[in-house]
Each structure stands twice: as C-alpha cells, then as structure tokens.
Amino acid sequence: MHQEVRRWRLVEVRLDGRWQPAMLTGWRRPPGSTRWVVHVRWGPDGPGPGAEPWAWLLFDESTIRPLSEPVGFVPLKDAVVVPPEMAGTSAADDSGRCWRLAWVHVQGQWRSGLVTEQRRPAPDLPWIAHVRWGEDRQAAWLVADPATVRPIPAAEQAAPPVTPAPTTPAPAAGDRR
C-alpha cells in the first residue's frame, strides 16, 4: 500500500544527541504523503540490553546524513573474491562474527557494505572478510585488503559529511510529491 525503494547507503543518524554510523536500507512513502520514511540499522540483531538497533525514521536531512566515500587513493582493482573452498568454515564459538559497516570497492566504485565475519584461514594467508553489499543481494568472502575493503573507523564516526544528502527516490509516473 506504499511506494518502497530498497537502496543501501552508509549514513549517520542522530541518536540520543550524537551522530551514529548506520546503514539506510530502504525508503517508503505512505499513500498520500509527501514525506519519506527510511529504514536505518546501526547494529546487529540479537540479545542485548536496550532497544532494537534499527528503526523506521522520518527522513530529515538534519538528522540523517550520508557518510562520505573514501577519499585519497582510489584502488585500480576491485576487492578480491576468495573462492568458497579457500574460505574454510566458521569457528564453532562464532569468534569471527561481527557487524561492521564498511566501504567495499566493487565494479569500479565504492559501495555501502556490511562485514559480518572476519578470520584468517591459516597463519600464512591474509585476513578475509564476509561482506554484504548492494541491497543485500550480493555477498562474498573478500580479501580484507584495506585498499578495497574499508571498515568505518571509530574516528570517522563523528566526521561531518562531504557528499550531499542522499536523494529521495524519484516518484513513480503520475505520482505527486
């Protein structure tokens, strides 16, 4: 009954008086409304104290702003996919499980991503990370090369945005704002 657009974008959302990195995963506009609400996630699901780490929020540029894409060196290559047979199996104690927002360089550009696990299959091999990106339709084990997989560091969490605010989805044909 509403217009919905799935689109992943790393953002910061103002929660409890401070900016928190988050992943904007979808836009909705209720019937007859001129405003958009967005689904924003800033932490993993699971047990723990407090409220859920996600919410549907009224889109407002003063409380939701994009995180800037990495600046400086632009890799000439995309993130390297690790074949499944080389990734190995997860640790029985889930010690490699995580939830980290990250930029991932794929198809020649930076994409908003989420690292869900990281590990080193063997002491002589590089670290690898399981990364999801592209509206959650793409996922792969990638070599955790800091040139192509860049988790959002704590120091960047309060950085002011450099890029313009995410644009609201285009209205459907015949739709009025």
Protein backbone atom coordinates (compact mmCIF):
# COMPACT_ATOMS: atom_id res chain seq x y z
CA MET A 1 0.00 0.00 0.00
CA HIS A 2 3.02 2.29 -0.13
CA GLN A 3 5.79 3.14 -2.53
CA GLU A 4 9.02 1.37 -1.47
CA VAL A 5 12.57 1.55 -2.79
CA ARG A 6 15.39 -0.67 -1.46
CA ARG A 7 18.69 1.16 -1.64
CA TRP A 8 21.68 0.67 0.68
CA ARG A 9 23.64 3.75 1.72
CA LEU A 10 26.06 4.33 4.58
CA VAL A 11 24.75 7.25 6.62
CA GLU A 12 24.99 8.84 10.04
CA VAL A 13 21.85 9.18 12.09
CA ARG A 14 21.43 11.46 15.09
CA LEU A 15 20.53 9.30 18.10
CA ASP A 16 20.49 10.46 21.72
CA GLY A 17 22.23 13.71 20.79
CA ARG A 18 25.15 12.19 18.86
CA TRP A 19 25.87 11.03 15.31
CA GLN A 20 25.93 7.23 14.89
CA PRO A 21 27.08 5.44 11.71
CA ALA A 22 24.30 3.35 10.21
CA MET A 23 23.06 1.66 7.04
CA LEU A 24 20.00 3.14 5.35
CA THR A 25 18.40 0.12 3.65
CA GLY A 26 15.05 1.29 2.31
CA TRP A 27 12.74 4.21 1.58
CA ARG A 28 8.95 4.17 2.00
CA ARG A 29 6.36 6.80 1.21
CA PRO A 30 2.91 6.17 2.65
CA PRO A 31 -0.08 6.71 0.34
CA GLY A 32 -0.98 10.38 0.02
CA SER A 33 2.15 11.50 1.87
CA THR A 34 4.73 13.94 0.58
CA ARG A 35 7.36 12.70 3.08
CA TRP A 36 9.58 9.63 3.07
CA VAL A 37 10.37 7.32 5.96
CA VAL A 38 13.62 5.35 5.88
CA HIS A 39 14.75 2.08 7.43
CA VAL A 40 18.04 2.63 9.26
CA ARG A 41 20.14 -0.02 11.04
CA TRP A 42 23.04 0.84 13.37
CA GLY A 43 23.77 -2.51 14.99
CA PRO A 44 23.25 -6.27 14.78
CA ASP A 45 20.11 -8.11 15.81
CA GLY A 46 20.36 -10.32 18.81
CA PRO A 47 20.18 -10.41 22.55
CA GLY A 48 21.27 -7.39 24.49
CA PRO A 49 20.00 -4.58 26.64
CA GLY A 50 18.02 -1.66 25.28
CA ALA A 51 16.04 -1.03 22.16
CA GLU A 52 16.43 -2.71 18.80
CA PRO A 53 19.39 -1.39 16.75
CA TRP A 54 17.15 -0.26 13.86
CA ALA A 55 14.14 1.94 13.22
CA TRP A 56 11.87 3.44 10.60
CA LEU A 57 12.55 7.18 10.78
CA LEU A 58 11.04 10.20 9.08
CA PHE A 59 13.67 11.35 6.57
CA ASP A 60 15.10 14.70 7.59
CA GLU A 61 18.48 15.98 6.38
CA SER A 62 19.18 17.46 9.82
CA THR A 63 19.06 14.01 11.48
CA ILE A 64 20.18 11.66 8.69
CA ARG A 65 23.22 12.44 6.56
CA PRO A 66 25.41 10.36 4.22
CA LEU A 67 28.85 9.10 5.17
CA SER A 68 31.45 10.26 2.70
CA GLU A 69 33.05 7.77 0.36
CA PRO A 70 36.76 7.12 0.97
CA VAL A 71 38.99 9.93 -0.24
CA GLY A 72 42.56 9.88 -1.43
CA PHE A 73 43.96 6.80 -3.12
CA VAL A 74 41.42 5.10 -5.39
CA PRO A 75 42.25 1.43 -5.97
CA LEU A 76 42.77 0.34 -9.55
CA LYS A 77 41.31 -3.04 -8.71
CA ASP A 78 38.14 -4.33 -7.13
CA ALA A 79 38.02 -6.33 -3.92
CA VAL A 80 39.35 -9.86 -4.49
CA VAL A 81 36.78 -12.62 -4.02
CA VAL A 82 38.01 -15.66 -2.08
CA PRO A 83 36.80 -19.00 -3.51
CA PRO A 84 34.49 -20.77 -1.02
CA GLU A 85 36.82 -23.76 -0.73
CA MET A 86 39.58 -21.43 0.50
CA ALA A 87 37.40 -19.55 2.98
CA GLY A 88 37.11 -22.51 5.34
CA THR A 89 34.45 -22.97 7.97
CA SER A 90 33.34 -20.60 10.69
CA ALA A 91 34.74 -21.06 14.20
CA ALA A 92 32.47 -23.14 16.43
CA ASP A 93 32.41 -20.36 19.04
CA ASP A 94 31.45 -17.67 16.49
CA SER A 95 34.62 -15.76 17.43
CA GLY A 96 34.90 -14.24 13.95
CA ARG A 97 31.31 -12.96 13.81
CA CYS A 98 30.97 -9.19 13.72
CA TRP A 99 28.81 -6.36 12.46
CA ARG A 100 30.89 -3.58 10.91
CA LEU A 101 29.82 -1.02 8.36
CA ALA A 102 32.35 -0.69 5.55
CA TRP A 103 33.03 0.69 2.11
CA VAL A 104 33.83 -2.03 -0.43
CA HIS A 105 35.29 -1.35 -3.88
CA VAL A 106 33.42 -3.44 -6.48
CA GLN A 107 32.59 -2.91 -10.14
CA GLY A 108 34.95 0.08 -10.20
CA GLN A 109 33.21 2.09 -7.48
CA TRP A 110 32.69 2.29 -3.72
CA ARG A 111 29.61 0.51 -2.41
CA SER A 112 28.00 0.65 1.03
CA GLY A 113 28.66 -2.69 2.71
CA LEU A 114 28.46 -4.69 5.89
CA VAL A 115 31.18 -7.02 7.23
CA THR A 116 29.54 -9.93 9.06
CA GLU A 117 32.56 -12.14 9.76
CA GLN A 118 36.32 -11.95 9.55
CA ARG A 119 39.06 -14.50 10.01
CA ARG A 120 42.45 -15.72 8.90
CA PRO A 121 42.11 -19.21 7.33
CA ALA A 122 45.79 -20.01 8.03
CA PRO A 123 48.74 -18.13 9.55
CA ASP A 124 50.39 -17.76 6.14
CA LEU A 125 47.22 -16.43 4.44
CA PRO A 126 45.78 -12.89 4.55
CA TRP A 127 42.73 -11.92 6.60
CA ILE A 128 39.42 -12.39 4.82
CA ALA A 129 36.02 -10.81 5.49
CA HIS A 130 32.49 -11.87 4.60
CA VAL A 131 30.90 -8.74 3.13
CA ARG A 132 27.33 -7.97 2.01
CA TRP A 133 26.57 -5.07 -0.32
CA GLY A 134 24.11 -3.94 -2.97
CA GLU A 135 20.75 -4.08 -1.20
CA ASP A 136 21.81 -7.36 0.44
CA ARG A 137 21.74 -9.28 -2.84
CA GLN A 138 25.49 -9.68 -3.15
CA ALA A 139 27.73 -11.30 -0.59
CA ALA A 140 31.17 -12.87 -0.77
CA TRP A 141 34.31 -13.65 1.15
CA LEU A 142 36.81 -10.97 0.19
CA VAL A 143 40.49 -10.47 0.92
CA ALA A 144 40.43 -7.86 3.70
CA ASP A 145 42.78 -5.54 1.82
CA PRO A 146 42.43 -2.04 3.34
CA ALA A 147 42.67 -0.57 -0.17
CA THR A 148 39.41 -2.26 -1.23
CA VAL A 149 37.54 -3.15 1.99
CA ARG A 150 37.44 -0.19 4.38
CA PRO A 151 35.52 -0.63 7.64
CA ILE A 152 34.23 2.63 9.09
CA PRO A 153 36.77 3.52 11.81
CA ALA A 154 35.68 4.96 15.15
CA ALA A 155 37.48 8.27 14.41
CA GLU A 156 35.30 8.79 11.34
CA GLN A 157 32.02 8.31 13.20
CA ALA A 158 31.59 11.99 14.03
CA ALA A 159 33.11 13.39 10.84
CA PRO A 160 30.97 15.96 9.01
CA PRO A 161 29.59 14.86 5.65
CA VAL A 162 31.35 15.87 2.47
CA THR A 163 28.86 14.47 -0.03
CA PRO A 164 25.33 15.83 -0.49
CA ALA A 165 22.44 14.22 1.39
CA PRO A 166 21.02 11.04 -0.13
CA THR A 167 18.38 11.99 -2.64
CA THR A 168 14.90 10.69 -2.17
CA PRO A 169 13.80 8.14 -4.77
CA ALA A 170 12.21 9.52 -7.92
CA PRO A 171 8.40 9.48 -7.82
CA ALA A 172 6.55 6.91 -9.90
CA ALA A 173 4.91 8.06 -13.12
CA GLY A 174 1.84 10.15 -12.34
CA ASP A 175 2.88 10.45 -8.70
CA ARG A 176 2.77 13.85 -6.99
CA ARG A 177 5.03 14.99 -4.20
